[in-house]
Amino acid sequence: MPKYRLVSFKICPFVQRAAIVLQAKNVDYDIEYIDLRNKPDWFLKLSPLGKVPILEVDGTVLFESQVIAEYLDEVEGPPMHPETPLERAKHRAFIEVISTALGETWRMSQAETKEEVDKLVASVRDKLHRLGEAHSGGKFFGGDSLSLLDAAAAPLLQRLTWNEEVGGLDVLGAHPKLGPWRDALQDHPAVKASTVPEVRDLAVELFGGWLGQQRA
């Protein structure tokens, strides 16, 4: 069995993707948390882009969250990607939509004015509506089994919920399937085990700009 070490920042949604896959596949791994505001030298030597996550596999370093998730899906069964090439391609394409929405969600939490927040909300709602339209209508995106796309979506839907709670925003109302999907993901054991217990408090503490003012 390979020896895995995941290097993480406690509130990073991209690290959470990899952790969800590891948890869903019942893979043993070590996890080490760093402070991205004070990156250790050993981490900078390992990470070509200076970002988390990195996954060490018997001493070999992998980086970029979706690359890590895809690797784990290839070597640790059962597969979490759809069986057919067309469905796999569709899932990979929507994972890119999710990644873009994650970036906008972070910017939403730091935007200085309500007008900036509203523009980001509108952009994210459009992407979520497209996800909702493509959703299977089952428990998860492609049906009743957790997929790599679900592992990517869980951190996004989680963080949007926190933004909504703090700012009184309506983001997940973009499509009726989003709330049940979010709830199913948050109830999944792999998602529950993918973060530290205090992740919401840590994330909300970093809200700046307009949302930071609403928190107070």
Protein backbone atom coordinates (compact mmCIF):
# COMPACT_ATOMS: atom_id res chain seq x y z
CA MET A 1 0.00 0.00 0.00
CA PRO A 2 1.31 3.49 -0.84
CA LYS A 3 1.99 5.89 2.02
CA TYR A 4 0.07 9.12 1.55
CA ARG A 5 0.71 12.49 3.19
CA LEU A 6 -1.66 15.37 2.42
CA VAL A 7 -0.37 18.89 3.12
CA SER A 8 -3.22 21.24 3.90
CA PHE A 9 -4.42 24.63 5.06
CA LYS A 10 -7.36 24.20 7.42
CA ILE A 11 -9.93 26.18 5.45
CA CYS A 12 -8.76 25.48 1.88
CA PRO A 13 -11.66 24.16 -0.26
CA PHE A 14 -9.27 22.64 -2.78
CA VAL A 15 -7.52 20.53 -0.16
CA GLN A 16 -10.97 19.46 1.02
CA ARG A 17 -11.64 17.94 -2.41
CA ALA A 18 -8.69 15.59 -2.03
CA ALA A 19 -9.61 14.79 1.57
CA ILE A 20 -13.17 13.87 0.54
CA VAL A 21 -11.85 11.43 -2.06
CA LEU A 22 -9.43 9.87 0.44
CA GLN A 23 -12.21 9.54 3.01
CA ALA A 24 -14.74 8.17 0.51
CA LYS A 25 -12.28 5.48 -0.53
CA ASN A 26 -11.34 4.63 3.10
CA VAL A 27 -7.68 5.30 2.37
CA ASP A 28 -5.26 5.73 5.27
CA TYR A 29 -3.31 8.98 5.06
CA ASP A 30 -1.44 11.46 7.20
CA ILE A 31 -2.34 15.14 7.07
CA GLU A 32 -0.16 18.11 7.94
CA TYR A 33 -1.51 21.64 8.25
CA ILE A 34 0.51 24.71 7.37
CA ASP A 35 -0.14 28.45 7.57
CA LEU A 36 -0.29 29.84 4.04
CA ARG A 37 0.56 33.28 5.42
CA ASN A 38 3.87 31.87 6.68
CA LYS A 39 4.79 29.03 4.35
CA PRO A 40 7.55 26.78 5.67
CA ASP A 41 10.70 26.39 3.57
CA TRP A 42 10.21 22.62 3.32
CA PHE A 43 6.77 23.20 1.80
CA LEU A 44 8.06 25.70 -0.76
CA LYS A 45 10.68 23.18 -1.83
CA LEU A 46 7.96 20.54 -2.40
CA SER A 47 5.23 22.68 -4.00
CA PRO A 48 6.16 24.08 -7.45
CA LEU A 49 3.34 26.65 -7.27
CA GLY A 50 3.53 27.34 -3.53
CA LYS A 51 -0.10 26.21 -3.14
CA VAL A 52 -1.96 23.52 -1.24
CA PRO A 53 -2.85 20.77 -1.58
CA ILE A 54 0.16 18.65 -2.22
CA LEU A 55 0.00 14.90 -1.83
CA GLU A 56 3.15 12.91 -1.19
CA VAL A 57 2.89 9.34 -2.48
CA ASP A 58 5.81 7.30 -1.17
CA GLY A 59 7.90 10.46 -1.41
CA THR A 60 6.69 11.56 -4.86
CA VAL A 61 4.90 14.92 -4.80
CA LEU A 62 1.63 15.54 -6.63
CA PHE A 63 0.03 18.98 -6.77
CA GLU A 64 -3.22 20.57 -7.99
CA SER A 65 -6.37 19.29 -6.32
CA GLN A 66 -8.12 17.79 -9.31
CA VAL A 67 -4.96 16.04 -10.49
CA ILE A 68 -4.70 14.50 -7.02
CA ALA A 69 -8.36 13.46 -7.05
CA GLU A 70 -8.05 11.88 -10.51
CA TYR A 71 -4.90 10.00 -9.49
CA LEU A 72 -6.56 8.63 -6.37
CA ASP A 73 -9.55 7.57 -8.42
CA GLU A 74 -7.29 5.61 -10.77
CA VAL A 75 -5.36 3.75 -8.08
CA GLU A 76 -7.86 3.42 -5.22
CA GLY A 77 -11.18 1.74 -5.98
CA PRO A 78 -14.04 1.83 -6.50
CA PRO A 79 -14.10 4.54 -9.21
CA MET A 80 -15.89 7.80 -8.48
CA HIS A 81 -15.98 8.99 -12.09
CA PRO A 82 -18.79 7.92 -14.47
CA GLU A 83 -18.23 4.80 -16.55
CA THR A 84 -18.61 6.28 -20.05
CA PRO A 85 -16.08 8.67 -21.65
CA LEU A 86 -18.81 11.19 -22.50
CA GLU A 87 -20.15 11.35 -18.94
CA ARG A 88 -16.61 11.59 -17.55
CA ALA A 89 -15.91 14.49 -19.90
CA LYS A 90 -19.15 16.18 -18.85
CA HIS A 91 -18.22 15.84 -15.17
CA ARG A 92 -14.71 17.18 -15.79
CA ALA A 93 -16.14 20.18 -17.64
CA PHE A 94 -18.53 21.02 -14.80
CA ILE A 95 -15.70 20.65 -12.27
CA GLU A 96 -14.07 23.58 -14.08
CA VAL A 97 -17.31 25.55 -13.63
CA ILE A 98 -17.19 24.71 -9.91
CA SER A 99 -13.56 25.80 -9.65
CA THR A 100 -14.37 29.17 -11.22
CA ALA A 101 -17.33 29.61 -8.85
CA LEU A 102 -15.05 28.82 -5.90
CA GLY A 103 -12.77 31.69 -6.87
CA GLU A 104 -15.75 34.02 -7.13
CA THR A 105 -17.04 32.80 -3.76
CA TRP A 106 -13.75 33.74 -2.11
CA ARG A 107 -13.82 37.16 -3.78
CA MET A 108 -17.41 37.55 -2.56
CA SER A 109 -16.18 37.09 1.02
CA GLN A 110 -13.61 39.87 0.54
CA ALA A 111 -15.46 42.37 -1.69
CA GLU A 112 -15.54 45.86 -0.28
CA THR A 113 -19.05 46.94 -1.29
CA LYS A 114 -22.50 45.41 -1.51
CA GLU A 115 -22.51 46.23 -5.23
CA GLU A 116 -19.39 44.11 -5.76
CA VAL A 117 -20.92 41.30 -3.70
CA ASP A 118 -24.14 41.44 -5.74
CA LYS A 119 -22.21 41.17 -9.03
CA LEU A 120 -20.39 38.09 -7.76
CA VAL A 121 -23.62 36.60 -6.45
CA ALA A 122 -25.19 37.01 -9.91
CA SER A 123 -22.22 35.35 -11.60
CA VAL A 124 -22.16 32.43 -9.18
CA ARG A 125 -25.94 32.01 -9.41
CA ASP A 126 -25.64 31.64 -13.19
CA LYS A 127 -23.05 28.87 -12.80
CA LEU A 128 -25.12 27.16 -10.10
CA HIS A 129 -28.23 27.28 -12.28
CA ARG A 130 -26.33 25.49 -15.04
CA LEU A 131 -25.17 22.88 -12.51
CA GLY A 132 -28.73 22.47 -11.28
CA GLU A 133 -30.02 21.98 -14.83
CA ALA A 134 -27.40 19.26 -15.43
CA HIS A 135 -28.02 17.58 -12.05
CA SER A 136 -29.49 14.08 -12.26
CA GLY A 137 -32.23 14.77 -9.74
CA GLY A 138 -30.86 11.95 -7.61
CA LYS A 139 -29.15 12.25 -4.27
CA PHE A 140 -25.91 13.40 -5.87
CA PHE A 141 -24.98 15.03 -9.17
CA GLY A 142 -24.91 11.85 -11.24
CA GLY A 143 -27.30 9.72 -9.20
CA ASP A 144 -27.06 7.99 -5.84
CA SER A 145 -23.26 7.55 -5.69
CA LEU A 146 -20.75 10.19 -4.62
CA SER A 147 -18.60 11.27 -7.59
CA LEU A 148 -15.44 13.31 -8.05
CA LEU A 149 -17.70 16.16 -9.15
CA ASP A 150 -19.57 15.92 -5.84
CA ALA A 151 -16.24 16.00 -4.00
CA ALA A 152 -15.43 19.22 -5.85
CA ALA A 153 -18.89 20.73 -5.30
CA ALA A 154 -19.19 20.05 -1.56
CA PRO A 155 -16.67 22.74 -0.49
CA LEU A 156 -18.29 25.27 -2.83
CA LEU A 157 -21.83 24.70 -1.59
CA GLN A 158 -20.60 24.68 2.00
CA ARG A 159 -18.87 28.05 1.66
CA LEU A 160 -21.76 29.62 -0.22
CA THR A 161 -23.99 28.60 2.68
CA TRP A 162 -21.69 30.47 5.09
CA ASN A 163 -21.73 33.54 2.83
CA GLU A 164 -25.53 33.40 2.74
CA GLU A 165 -25.81 33.03 6.51
CA VAL A 166 -23.52 35.96 7.27
CA GLY A 167 -24.68 38.32 4.53
CA GLY A 168 -28.36 37.40 4.14
CA LEU A 169 -27.62 36.54 0.49
CA ASP A 170 -29.57 34.27 -1.84
CA VAL A 171 -27.14 32.24 -3.91
CA LEU A 172 -28.32 28.65 -3.64
CA GLY A 173 -31.82 29.71 -4.62
CA ALA A 174 -30.52 29.71 -8.21
CA HIS A 175 -32.01 26.24 -8.71
CA PRO A 176 -34.35 24.04 -6.62
CA LYS A 177 -32.00 21.04 -6.76
CA LEU A 178 -29.14 22.88 -5.06
CA GLY A 179 -30.44 22.87 -1.48
CA PRO A 180 -31.16 19.11 -1.35
CA TRP A 181 -27.84 18.41 -3.06
CA ARG A 182 -25.98 20.58 -0.52
CA ASP A 183 -27.74 18.81 2.35
CA ALA A 184 -26.97 15.33 0.98
CA LEU A 185 -23.32 16.25 0.60
CA GLN A 186 -23.04 17.74 4.08
CA ASP A 187 -24.56 14.57 5.55
CA HIS A 188 -22.11 12.27 3.76
CA PRO A 189 -19.50 10.78 6.16
CA ALA A 190 -16.62 11.51 3.76
CA VAL A 191 -17.56 15.20 3.62
CA LYS A 192 -18.03 15.42 7.38
CA ALA A 193 -14.56 13.93 7.94
CA SER A 194 -12.85 16.12 5.33
CA THR A 195 -12.33 19.22 7.47
CA VAL A 196 -11.42 20.25 10.98
CA PRO A 197 -14.52 20.67 13.19
CA GLU A 198 -14.05 24.44 13.48
CA VAL A 199 -13.75 25.07 9.73
CA ARG A 200 -16.80 27.35 9.51
CA ASP A 201 -15.60 29.60 12.34
CA LEU A 202 -12.10 29.79 10.87
CA ALA A 203 -13.45 30.67 7.43
CA VAL A 204 -15.89 33.30 8.67
CA GLU A 205 -13.14 34.93 10.74
CA LEU A 206 -11.33 35.66 7.46
CA PHE A 207 -14.30 37.43 5.87
CA GLY A 208 -13.30 40.95 4.91
CA GLY A 209 -14.96 43.89 3.22
CA TRP A 210 -18.77 44.05 3.24
CA LEU A 211 -19.35 40.49 4.48
CA GLY A 212 -16.83 41.03 7.26
CA GLN A 213 -18.86 44.03 8.40
CA GLN A 214 -22.05 41.95 8.44
CA ARG A 215 -20.36 39.33 10.61
CA ALA A 216 -19.80 41.88 13.35
